[in-house]
Amino acid sequence: MQFQVRFIWPCALLLPSTGIFGRSVIAETVERGGEVNIVEEFRILREEFNQKIGVITRKNDMLVKKVDQLVEELLLQKSVEGSTTRTLQDVPFLKVGEDWVADPAALFIFQRGVIIGYKNQACAYGQSVLSVDADVLEEETVGRNCPSGRGSVTFGLQNEASGDWSSVLGGIANQAQGLGASVLGGSDNEASGITSVVMGGNTNKAMGNVVSIAGGLQNTCDGFYNSILGGYKQRLRGDDQLTSPESPFSCTKKMCSTRKNFRFKNLSVKKKFCVKDECQ
């Protein structure tokens, strides 16, 4: 059925705006001898409407596909997390009461380092280091040791191993500064020479290369391949001369000399006893 409206003057049919088109639609007049075919106008609008619906449907299909992809990714992530959790159940530790016991056949590799206790925030930790750093007071949770050299080790309290491959194995406020140097214990001792060693005592300094101080107080060992067993303020210099406030002699590897006078009682001399430069 067709509805026709006859106008004396040509005019246009104004249709209301809709949200689908987003604009006012003015149907173009289809003049057929001054007549406007309303059915033809609605057919045109229906085609435009169907085109818009088609666009919306395609966009909706794309959104549905994206949602499906997100769901699949989430399910895959959950499955991976589940498999990881199952794998972590096979870690080389066994829970025994409140303790975790490591598998005796497992080898643990730590390339950066290991800290047992607390971290020293002021320390620039070296590579492949080990530090045992317990708190001083119960309320403190800070570390005080500092293994800053490569491959260095620090035990004890407030000890520093700054030389590469150096170690401080105990004591308080000791420093191993030389390459491969070591302090075994004591307090305020310093091993600054290459592969130098201070075994203990207080305020001893192994400054030379391949030198050692066994103990004592305020001893200094310099030079090469020298050693001080102990005592007080003993000093072995780089020219192999040993000085001591406790001894009236100044000794080298070959002889000892003095500027002091001596009085002997019940003197016993073996082999030879003579004045310097007058021995035959």
C-alpha atoms as a PDB file:
ATOM      1  CA  MET A   1       0.000   0.000   0.000  1.00  0.00           C
ATOM      2  CA  GLN A   2       1.296   3.491  -0.769  1.00  0.00           C
ATOM      3  CA  PHE A   3       0.513   6.689   1.076  1.00  0.00           C
ATOM      4  CA  GLN A   4       0.759   9.838  -0.942  1.00  0.00           C
ATOM      5  CA  VAL A   5       0.591  13.414   0.135  1.00  0.00           C
ATOM      6  CA  ARG A   6      -0.149  16.037  -2.435  1.00  0.00           C
ATOM      7  CA  PHE A   7       1.406  19.489  -1.973  1.00  0.00           C
ATOM      8  CA  ILE A   8       0.742  22.561  -3.918  1.00  0.00           C
ATOM      9  CA  TRP A   9       4.349  23.753  -3.383  1.00  0.00           C
ATOM     10  CA  PRO A  10       7.408  21.444  -3.268  1.00  0.00           C
ATOM     11  CA  CYS A  11       8.535  20.775   0.285  1.00  0.00           C
ATOM     12  CA  ALA A  12      10.647  18.312   2.315  1.00  0.00           C
ATOM     13  CA  LEU A  13       9.687  15.764   4.962  1.00  0.00           C
ATOM     14  CA  LEU A  14      11.477  16.320   8.294  1.00  0.00           C
ATOM     15  CA  LEU A  15      12.076  13.160  10.332  1.00  0.00           C
ATOM     16  CA  PRO A  16      13.027  13.201  14.038  1.00  0.00           C
ATOM     17  CA  SER A  17      16.685  12.674  15.059  1.00  0.00           C
ATOM     18  CA  THR A  18      17.762   9.312  16.515  1.00  0.00           C
ATOM     19  CA  GLY A  19      20.741   8.217  18.501  1.00  0.00           C
ATOM     20  CA  ILE A  20      21.661   5.701  15.835  1.00  0.00           C
ATOM     21  CA  PHE A  21      22.266   8.289  13.145  1.00  0.00           C
ATOM     22  CA  GLY A  22      23.435  11.051  15.463  1.00  0.00           C
ATOM     23  CA  ARG A  23      22.049  13.743  13.170  1.00  0.00           C
ATOM     24  CA  SER A  24      18.781  15.167  11.904  1.00  0.00           C
ATOM     25  CA  VAL A  25      17.628  13.275   8.880  1.00  0.00           C
ATOM     26  CA  ILE A  26      15.783  15.247   6.237  1.00  0.00           C
ATOM     27  CA  ALA A  27      14.273  12.911   3.760  1.00  0.00           C
ATOM     28  CA  GLU A  28      14.870  14.046   0.278  1.00  0.00           C
ATOM     29  CA  THR A  29      11.668  14.521  -1.672  1.00  0.00           C
ATOM     30  CA  VAL A  30      11.069  12.135  -4.434  1.00  0.00           C
ATOM     31  CA  GLU A  31       9.076  14.122  -6.833  1.00  0.00           C
ATOM     32  CA  ARG A  32       6.785  12.227  -9.005  1.00  0.00           C
ATOM     33  CA  GLY A  33       4.561  14.832 -10.528  1.00  0.00           C
ATOM     34  CA  GLY A  34       4.642  16.845  -7.295  1.00  0.00           C
ATOM     35  CA  GLU A  35       4.113  13.735  -5.097  1.00  0.00           C
ATOM     36  CA  VAL A  36       6.334  12.503  -2.237  1.00  0.00           C
ATOM     37  CA  ASN A  37       6.614   8.698  -1.874  1.00  0.00           C
ATOM     38  CA  ILE A  38       6.758   8.104   1.903  1.00  0.00           C
ATOM     39  CA  VAL A  39       7.314   4.357   1.528  1.00  0.00           C
ATOM     40  CA  GLU A  40      10.426   5.007  -0.577  1.00  0.00           C
ATOM     41  CA  GLU A  41      11.747   7.388   2.078  1.00  0.00           C
ATOM     42  CA  PHE A  42      11.318   4.759   4.813  1.00  0.00           C
ATOM     43  CA  ARG A  43      13.009   2.151   2.636  1.00  0.00           C
ATOM     44  CA  ILE A  44      16.034   4.408   2.334  1.00  0.00           C
ATOM     45  CA  LEU A  45      16.065   4.988   6.099  1.00  0.00           C
ATOM     46  CA  ARG A  46      15.775   1.251   6.748  1.00  0.00           C
ATOM     47  CA  GLU A  47      18.806   0.557   4.550  1.00  0.00           C
ATOM     48  CA  GLU A  48      20.810   3.176   6.423  1.00  0.00           C
ATOM     49  CA  PHE A  49      19.634   1.707   9.726  1.00  0.00           C
ATOM     50  CA  ASN A  50      20.690  -1.787   8.651  1.00  0.00           C
ATOM     51  CA  GLN A  51      24.102  -0.486   7.627  1.00  0.00           C
ATOM     52  CA  LYS A  52      24.575   1.119  11.051  1.00  0.00           C
ATOM     53  CA  ILE A  53      23.463  -2.063  12.790  1.00  0.00           C
ATOM     54  CA  GLY A  54      25.946  -4.024  10.683  1.00  0.00           C
ATOM     55  CA  VAL A  55      28.805  -1.734  11.771  1.00  0.00           C
ATOM     56  CA  ILE A  56      27.793  -2.049  15.420  1.00  0.00           C
ATOM     57  CA  THR A  57      27.545  -5.837  15.116  1.00  0.00           C
ATOM     58  CA  ARG A  58      31.026  -6.117  13.635  1.00  0.00           C
ATOM     59  CA  LYS A  59      32.489  -3.970  16.412  1.00  0.00           C
ATOM     60  CA  ASN A  60      30.701  -6.082  18.983  1.00  0.00           C
ATOM     61  CA  ASP A  61      32.156  -9.259  17.426  1.00  0.00           C
ATOM     62  CA  MET A  62      35.650  -7.775  17.667  1.00  0.00           C
ATOM     63  CA  LEU A  63      35.136  -6.921  21.336  1.00  0.00           C
ATOM     64  CA  VAL A  64      33.896 -10.430  22.019  1.00  0.00           C
ATOM     65  CA  LYS A  65      37.032 -11.883  20.396  1.00  0.00           C
ATOM     66  CA  LYS A  66      39.282  -9.634  22.505  1.00  0.00           C
ATOM     67  CA  VAL A  67      37.490 -10.691  25.690  1.00  0.00           C
ATOM     68  CA  ASP A  68      37.910 -14.349  24.700  1.00  0.00           C
ATOM     69  CA  GLN A  69      41.636 -13.790  24.139  1.00  0.00           C
ATOM     70  CA  LEU A  70      42.017 -12.141  27.561  1.00  0.00           C
ATOM     71  CA  VAL A  71      40.197 -15.041  29.210  1.00  0.00           C
ATOM     72  CA  GLU A  72      42.495 -17.537  27.487  1.00  0.00           C
ATOM     73  CA  GLU A  73      45.603 -15.593  28.580  1.00  0.00           C
ATOM     74  CA  LEU A  74      44.382 -15.485  32.184  1.00  0.00           C
ATOM     75  CA  LEU A  75      43.661 -19.219  32.160  1.00  0.00           C
ATOM     76  CA  LEU A  76      47.119 -19.888  30.707  1.00  0.00           C
ATOM     77  CA  GLN A  77      48.759 -17.700  33.369  1.00  0.00           C
ATOM     78  CA  LYS A  78      46.905 -19.539  36.113  1.00  0.00           C
ATOM     79  CA  SER A  79      48.002 -22.879  34.722  1.00  0.00           C
ATOM     80  CA  VAL A  80      51.646 -21.722  34.582  1.00  0.00           C
ATOM     81  CA  GLU A  81      51.471 -20.466  38.169  1.00  0.00           C
ATOM     82  CA  GLY A  82      49.990 -23.767  39.222  1.00  0.00           C
ATOM     83  CA  SER A  83      52.753 -25.726  37.501  1.00  0.00           C
ATOM     84  CA  THR A  84      55.399 -23.442  39.081  1.00  0.00           C
ATOM     85  CA  THR A  85      53.918 -24.036  42.496  1.00  0.00           C
ATOM     86  CA  ARG A  86      54.028 -27.745  41.914  1.00  0.00           C
ATOM     87  CA  THR A  87      57.682 -27.486  40.871  1.00  0.00           C
ATOM     88  CA  LEU A  88      58.622 -25.483  43.982  1.00  0.00           C
ATOM     89  CA  GLN A  89      57.343 -28.349  46.073  1.00  0.00           C
ATOM     90  CA  ASP A  90      60.447 -30.250  44.975  1.00  0.00           C
ATOM     91  CA  VAL A  91      62.956 -27.774  46.499  1.00  0.00           C
ATOM     92  CA  PRO A  92      66.018 -29.321  48.201  1.00  0.00           C
ATOM     93  CA  PHE A  93      64.745 -28.649  51.739  1.00  0.00           C
ATOM     94  CA  LEU A  94      62.933 -30.812  54.231  1.00  0.00           C
ATOM     95  CA  LYS A  95      60.751 -29.382  57.012  1.00  0.00           C
ATOM     96  CA  VAL A  96      61.707 -30.992  60.329  1.00  0.00           C
ATOM     97  CA  GLY A  97      59.677 -29.453  63.126  1.00  0.00           C
ATOM     98  CA  GLU A  98      60.306 -25.713  62.958  1.00  0.00           C
ATOM     99  CA  ASP A  99      63.527 -26.130  60.973  1.00  0.00           C
ATOM    100  CA  TRP A 100      64.291 -26.499  57.282  1.00  0.00           C
ATOM    101  CA  VAL A 101      67.019 -29.062  56.592  1.00  0.00           C
ATOM    102  CA  ALA A 102      68.885 -28.853  53.274  1.00  0.00           C
ATOM    103  CA  ASP A 103      69.382 -31.836  51.039  1.00  0.00           C
ATOM    104  CA  PRO A 104      72.944 -33.078  51.750  1.00  0.00           C
ATOM    105  CA  ALA A 105      73.372 -33.930  48.064  1.00  0.00           C
ATOM    106  CA  ALA A 106      72.404 -30.430  46.846  1.00  0.00           C
ATOM    107  CA  LEU A 107      74.948 -27.798  45.823  1.00  0.00           C
ATOM    108  CA  PHE A 108      73.845 -24.189  46.374  1.00  0.00           C
ATOM    109  CA  ILE A 109      75.438 -21.561  44.121  1.00  0.00           C
ATOM    110  CA  PHE A 110      75.282 -17.852  45.034  1.00  0.00           C
ATOM    111  CA  GLN A 111      77.119 -15.634  42.567  1.00  0.00           C
ATOM    112  CA  ARG A 112      76.422 -12.285  44.251  1.00  0.00           C
ATOM    113  CA  GLY A 113      76.927 -13.136  47.912  1.00  0.00           C
ATOM    114  CA  VAL A 114      75.455 -14.413  51.152  1.00  0.00           C
ATOM    115  CA  ILE A 115      74.675 -12.462  54.322  1.00  0.00           C
ATOM    116  CA  ILE A 116      73.839 -14.402  57.472  1.00  0.00           C
ATOM    117  CA  GLY A 117      72.250 -12.018  59.933  1.00  0.00           C
ATOM    118  CA  TYR A 118      71.733  -8.388  58.962  1.00  0.00           C
ATOM    119  CA  LYS A 119      72.807  -6.193  56.067  1.00  0.00           C
ATOM    120  CA  ASN A 120      75.142  -3.249  56.582  1.00  0.00           C
ATOM    121  CA  GLN A 121      73.414  -0.433  54.694  1.00  0.00           C
ATOM    122  CA  ALA A 122      76.643   1.600  54.586  1.00  0.00           C
ATOM    123  CA  CYS A 123      78.642  -1.204  52.935  1.00  0.00           C
ATOM    124  CA  ALA A 124      79.258  -1.555  49.201  1.00  0.00           C
ATOM    125  CA  TYR A 125      79.261  -5.344  49.137  1.00  0.00           C
ATOM    126  CA  GLY A 126      81.652  -6.940  46.663  1.00  0.00           C
ATOM    127  CA  GLN A 127      81.024  -9.781  44.257  1.00  0.00           C
ATOM    128  CA  SER A 128      80.843 -13.352  45.615  1.00  0.00           C
ATOM    129  CA  VAL A 129      81.121 -12.408  49.285  1.00  0.00           C
ATOM    130  CA  LEU A 130      80.162 -13.988  52.604  1.00  0.00           C
ATOM    131  CA  SER A 131      79.312 -12.155  55.815  1.00  0.00           C
ATOM    132  CA  VAL A 132      78.073 -13.368  59.196  1.00  0.00           C
ATOM    133  CA  ASP A 133      76.669 -10.270  60.852  1.00  0.00           C
ATOM    134  CA  ALA A 134      74.680 -10.622  64.067  1.00  0.00           C
ATOM    135  CA  ASP A 135      73.119  -7.685  65.878  1.00  0.00           C
ATOM    136  CA  VAL A 136      74.968  -6.163  68.844  1.00  0.00           C
ATOM    137  CA  LEU A 137      71.892  -5.396  70.895  1.00  0.00           C
ATOM    138  CA  GLU A 138      68.565  -7.164  70.804  1.00  0.00           C
ATOM    139  CA  GLU A 139      66.733  -4.057  69.658  1.00  0.00           C
ATOM    140  CA  GLU A 140      69.187  -3.437  66.778  1.00  0.00           C
ATOM    141  CA  THR A 141      68.682  -5.039  63.392  1.00  0.00           C
ATOM    142  CA  VAL A 142      71.652  -3.599  61.478  1.00  0.00           C
ATOM    143  CA  GLY A 143      74.824  -5.179  60.161  1.00  0.00           C
ATOM    144  CA  ARG A 144      78.298  -3.847  60.911  1.00  0.00           C
ATOM    145  CA  ASN A 145      80.673  -6.030  58.899  1.00  0.00           C
ATOM    146  CA  CYS A 146      81.655  -5.065  55.370  1.00  0.00           C
ATOM    147  CA  PRO A 147      83.144  -7.490  52.821  1.00  0.00           C
ATOM    148  CA  SER A 148      83.649  -4.997  49.994  1.00  0.00           C
ATOM    149  CA  GLY A 149      86.442  -6.786  48.152  1.00  0.00           C
ATOM    150  CA  ARG A 150      85.782  -9.441  45.533  1.00  0.00           C
ATOM    151  CA  GLY A 151      85.578 -12.878  47.078  1.00  0.00           C
ATOM    152  CA  SER A 152      86.033 -11.435  50.571  1.00  0.00           C
ATOM    153  CA  VAL A 153      84.773 -12.857  53.872  1.00  0.00           C
ATOM    154  CA  THR A 154      83.919 -11.191  57.183  1.00  0.00           C
ATOM    155  CA  PHE A 155      82.992 -12.752  60.518  1.00  0.00           C
ATOM    156  CA  GLY A 156      83.051 -11.188  63.975  1.00  0.00           C
ATOM    157  CA  LEU A 157      81.950  -7.626  64.727  1.00  0.00           C
ATOM    158  CA  GLN A 158      82.549  -4.415  62.789  1.00  0.00           C
ATOM    159  CA  ASN A 159      85.208  -5.990  60.603  1.00  0.00           C
ATOM    160  CA  GLU A 160      86.098  -4.924  57.081  1.00  0.00           C
ATOM    161  CA  ALA A 161      87.624  -6.926  54.234  1.00  0.00           C
ATOM    162  CA  SER A 162      88.248  -4.425  51.443  1.00  0.00           C
ATOM    163  CA  GLY A 163      91.037  -6.215  49.603  1.00  0.00           C
ATOM    164  CA  ASP A 164      90.130  -8.679  46.889  1.00  0.00           C
ATOM    165  CA  TRP A 165      90.064 -12.242  48.266  1.00  0.00           C
ATOM    166  CA  SER A 166      90.750 -10.930  51.765  1.00  0.00           C
ATOM    167  CA  SER A 167      89.200 -12.198  54.995  1.00  0.00           C
ATOM    168  CA  VAL A 168      88.569 -11.262  58.616  1.00  0.00           C
ATOM    169  CA  LEU A 169      87.672 -14.411  60.511  1.00  0.00           C
ATOM    170  CA  GLY A 170      86.863 -12.915  63.905  1.00  0.00           C
ATOM    171  CA  GLY A 171      87.509 -10.246  66.482  1.00  0.00           C
ATOM    172  CA  ILE A 172      86.378  -6.635  66.560  1.00  0.00           C
ATOM    173  CA  ALA A 173      87.149  -3.663  64.304  1.00  0.00           C
ATOM    174  CA  ASN A 174      89.807  -5.431  62.243  1.00  0.00           C
ATOM    175  CA  GLN A 175      90.692  -4.565  58.652  1.00  0.00           C
ATOM    176  CA  ALA A 176      92.059  -6.735  55.847  1.00  0.00           C
ATOM    177  CA  GLN A 177      92.980  -4.244  53.142  1.00  0.00           C
ATOM    178  CA  GLY A 178      95.644  -5.997  51.115  1.00  0.00           C
ATOM    179  CA  LEU A 179      95.195  -8.421  48.250  1.00  0.00           C
ATOM    180  CA  GLY A 180      94.608 -11.816  49.837  1.00  0.00           C
ATOM    181  CA  ALA A 181      95.287 -10.409  53.313  1.00  0.00           C
ATOM    182  CA  SER A 182      93.831 -11.944  56.486  1.00  0.00           C
ATOM    183  CA  VAL A 183      93.148 -11.044  60.104  1.00  0.00           C
ATOM    184  CA  LEU A 184      92.313 -14.047  62.256  1.00  0.00           C
ATOM    185  CA  GLY A 185      91.160 -12.248  65.391  1.00  0.00           C
ATOM    186  CA  GLY A 186      91.978  -9.684  68.041  1.00  0.00           C
ATOM    187  CA  SER A 187      90.897  -6.070  67.769  1.00  0.00           C
ATOM    188  CA  ASP A 188      91.876  -2.988  65.786  1.00  0.00           C
ATOM    189  CA  ASN A 189      94.396  -4.969  63.753  1.00  0.00           C
ATOM    190  CA  GLU A 190      95.279  -4.151  60.149  1.00  0.00           C
ATOM    191  CA  ALA A 191      96.665  -6.298  57.352  1.00  0.00           C
ATOM    192  CA  SER A 192      97.381  -3.981  54.431  1.00  0.00           C
ATOM    193  CA  GLY A 193     100.196  -5.745  52.608  1.00  0.00           C
ATOM    194  CA  ILE A 194      99.737  -8.361  49.889  1.00  0.00           C
ATOM    195  CA  THR A 195      98.955 -11.746  51.533  1.00  0.00           C
ATOM    196  CA  SER A 196      99.863 -10.264  54.910  1.00  0.00           C
ATOM    197  CA  VAL A 197      98.497 -11.845  58.106  1.00  0.00           C
ATOM    198  CA  VAL A 198      97.733 -10.675  61.640  1.00  0.00           C
ATOM    199  CA  MET A 199      96.782 -13.585  63.863  1.00  0.00           C
ATOM    200  CA  GLY A 200      95.626 -11.674  66.908  1.00  0.00           C
ATOM    201  CA  GLY A 201      96.521  -9.123  69.524  1.00  0.00           C
ATOM    202  CA  ASN A 202      95.598  -5.469  69.453  1.00  0.00           C
ATOM    203  CA  THR A 203      96.510  -2.568  67.161  1.00  0.00           C
ATOM    204  CA  ASN A 204      99.015  -4.567  65.134  1.00  0.00           C
ATOM    205  CA  LYS A 205      99.834  -3.622  61.558  1.00  0.00           C
ATOM    206  CA  ALA A 206     101.120  -6.008  58.890  1.00  0.00           C
ATOM    207  CA  MET A 207     102.114  -3.445  56.275  1.00  0.00           C
ATOM    208  CA  GLY A 208     104.642  -5.384  54.211  1.00  0.00           C
ATOM    209  CA  ASN A 209     104.094  -8.041  51.586  1.00  0.00           C
ATOM    210  CA  VAL A 210     103.991 -11.671  52.726  1.00  0.00           C
ATOM    211  CA  VAL A 211     104.575 -10.659  56.355  1.00  0.00           C
ATOM    212  CA  SER A 212     102.928 -11.818  59.575  1.00  0.00           C
ATOM    213  CA  ILE A 213     102.338 -10.766  63.167  1.00  0.00           C
ATOM    214  CA  ALA A 214     101.372 -13.483  65.607  1.00  0.00           C
ATOM    215  CA  GLY A 215     100.089 -11.226  68.370  1.00  0.00           C
ATOM    216  CA  GLY A 216     101.083  -8.652  70.926  1.00  0.00           C
ATOM    217  CA  LEU A 217     100.288  -4.954  71.120  1.00  0.00           C
ATOM    218  CA  GLN A 218     101.040  -2.142  68.674  1.00  0.00           C
ATOM    219  CA  ASN A 219     103.531  -4.111  66.595  1.00  0.00           C
ATOM    220  CA  THR A 220     104.364  -3.140  63.009  1.00  0.00           C
ATOM    221  CA  CYS A 221     105.793  -5.451  60.375  1.00  0.00           C
ATOM    222  CA  ASP A 222     106.998  -3.969  57.090  1.00  0.00           C
ATOM    223  CA  GLY A 223     109.232  -5.083  54.241  1.00  0.00           C
ATOM    224  CA  PHE A 224     109.108  -8.529  52.627  1.00  0.00           C
ATOM    225  CA  TYR A 225     108.830 -12.003  54.153  1.00  0.00           C
ATOM    226  CA  ASN A 226     109.204 -10.681  57.716  1.00  0.00           C
ATOM    227  CA  SER A 227     107.508 -11.912  60.875  1.00  0.00           C
ATOM    228  CA  ILE A 228     106.955 -10.713  64.453  1.00  0.00           C
ATOM    229  CA  LEU A 229     105.904 -13.239  67.057  1.00  0.00           C
ATOM    230  CA  GLY A 230     104.587 -10.765  69.619  1.00  0.00           C
ATOM    231  CA  GLY A 231     105.609  -8.277  72.239  1.00  0.00           C
ATOM    232  CA  TYR A 232     104.955  -4.578  72.616  1.00  0.00           C
ATOM    233  CA  LYS A 233     105.704  -1.943  69.971  1.00  0.00           C
ATOM    234  CA  GLN A 234     108.026  -4.213  68.030  1.00  0.00           C
ATOM    235  CA  ARG A 235     108.830  -2.809  64.604  1.00  0.00           C
ATOM    236  CA  LEU A 236     110.415  -4.687  61.741  1.00  0.00           C
ATOM    237  CA  ARG A 237     111.267  -2.226  59.020  1.00  0.00           C
ATOM    238  CA  GLY A 238     111.748  -2.646  55.322  1.00  0.00           C
ATOM    239  CA  ASP A 239     115.558  -2.826  55.711  1.00  0.00           C
ATOM    240  CA  ASP A 240     115.138  -5.910  57.940  1.00  0.00           C
ATOM    241  CA  GLN A 241     116.026  -3.913  61.047  1.00  0.00           C
ATOM    242  CA  LEU A 242     114.099  -4.798  64.195  1.00  0.00           C
ATOM    243  CA  THR A 243     113.560  -2.155  66.858  1.00  0.00           C
ATOM    244  CA  SER A 244     111.881  -2.622  70.215  1.00  0.00           C
ATOM    245  CA  PRO A 245     111.391  -0.470  73.316  1.00  0.00           C
ATOM    246  CA  GLU A 246     111.921  -3.594  75.411  1.00  0.00           C
ATOM    247  CA  SER A 247     115.279  -4.496  73.890  1.00  0.00           C
ATOM    248  CA  PRO A 248     118.564  -2.458  73.984  1.00  0.00           C
ATOM    249  CA  PHE A 249     119.533  -3.985  70.647  1.00  0.00           C
ATOM    250  CA  SER A 250     118.698  -3.091  67.102  1.00  0.00           C
ATOM    251  CA  CYS A 251     118.935  -6.262  65.053  1.00  0.00           C
ATOM    252  CA  THR A 252     119.123  -7.226  61.412  1.00  0.00           C
ATOM    253  CA  LYS A 253     119.241 -10.699  59.906  1.00  0.00           C
ATOM    254  CA  LYS A 254     123.022 -10.901  60.436  1.00  0.00           C
ATOM    255  CA  MET A 255     123.727  -9.086  63.697  1.00  0.00           C
ATOM    256  CA  CYS A 256     122.468  -6.929  66.573  1.00  0.00           C
ATOM    257  CA  SER A 257     123.964  -3.611  67.681  1.00  0.00           C
ATOM    258  CA  THR A 258     123.515  -1.267  70.634  1.00  0.00           C
ATOM    259  CA  ARG A 259     124.756   2.044  71.983  1.00  0.00           C
ATOM    260  CA  LYS A 260     124.241   1.148  75.625  1.00  0.00           C
ATOM    261  CA  ASN A 261     126.738  -0.065  78.208  1.00  0.00           C
ATOM    262  CA  PHE A 262     126.391  -3.434  79.943  1.00  0.00           C
ATOM    263  CA  ARG A 263     127.642  -4.970  83.154  1.00  0.00           C
ATOM    264  CA  PHE A 264     127.725  -8.738  83.102  1.00  0.00           C
ATOM    265  CA  LYS A 265     127.659 -11.116  86.059  1.00  0.00           C
ATOM    266  CA  ASN A 266     128.387 -14.782  85.602  1.00  0.00           C
ATOM    267  CA  LEU A 267     128.858 -14.279  81.873  1.00  0.00           C
ATOM    268  CA  SER A 268     129.075 -17.410  79.765  1.00  0.00           C
ATOM    269  CA  VAL A 269     130.268 -17.104  76.175  1.00  0.00           C
ATOM    270  CA  LYS A 270     129.976 -19.860  73.584  1.00  0.00           C
ATOM    271  CA  LYS A 271     132.111 -19.977  70.446  1.00  0.00           C
ATOM    272  CA  LYS A 272     133.003 -16.288  70.038  1.00  0.00           C
ATOM    273  CA  PHE A 273     132.368 -12.965  71.771  1.00  0.00           C
ATOM    274  CA  CYS A 274     133.985  -9.810  70.449  1.00  0.00           C
ATOM    275  CA  VAL A 275     133.528  -6.136  69.760  1.00  0.00           C
ATOM    276  CA  LYS A 276     132.045  -5.154  66.411  1.00  0.00           C
ATOM    277  CA  ASP A 277     134.638  -4.875  63.633  1.00  0.00           C
ATOM    278  CA  GLU A 278     137.299  -6.482  65.847  1.00  0.00           C
ATOM    279  CA  CYS A 279     136.321 -10.105  65.477  1.00  0.00           C
ATOM    280  CA  GLN A 280     138.999 -12.332  63.878  1.00  0.00           C
END
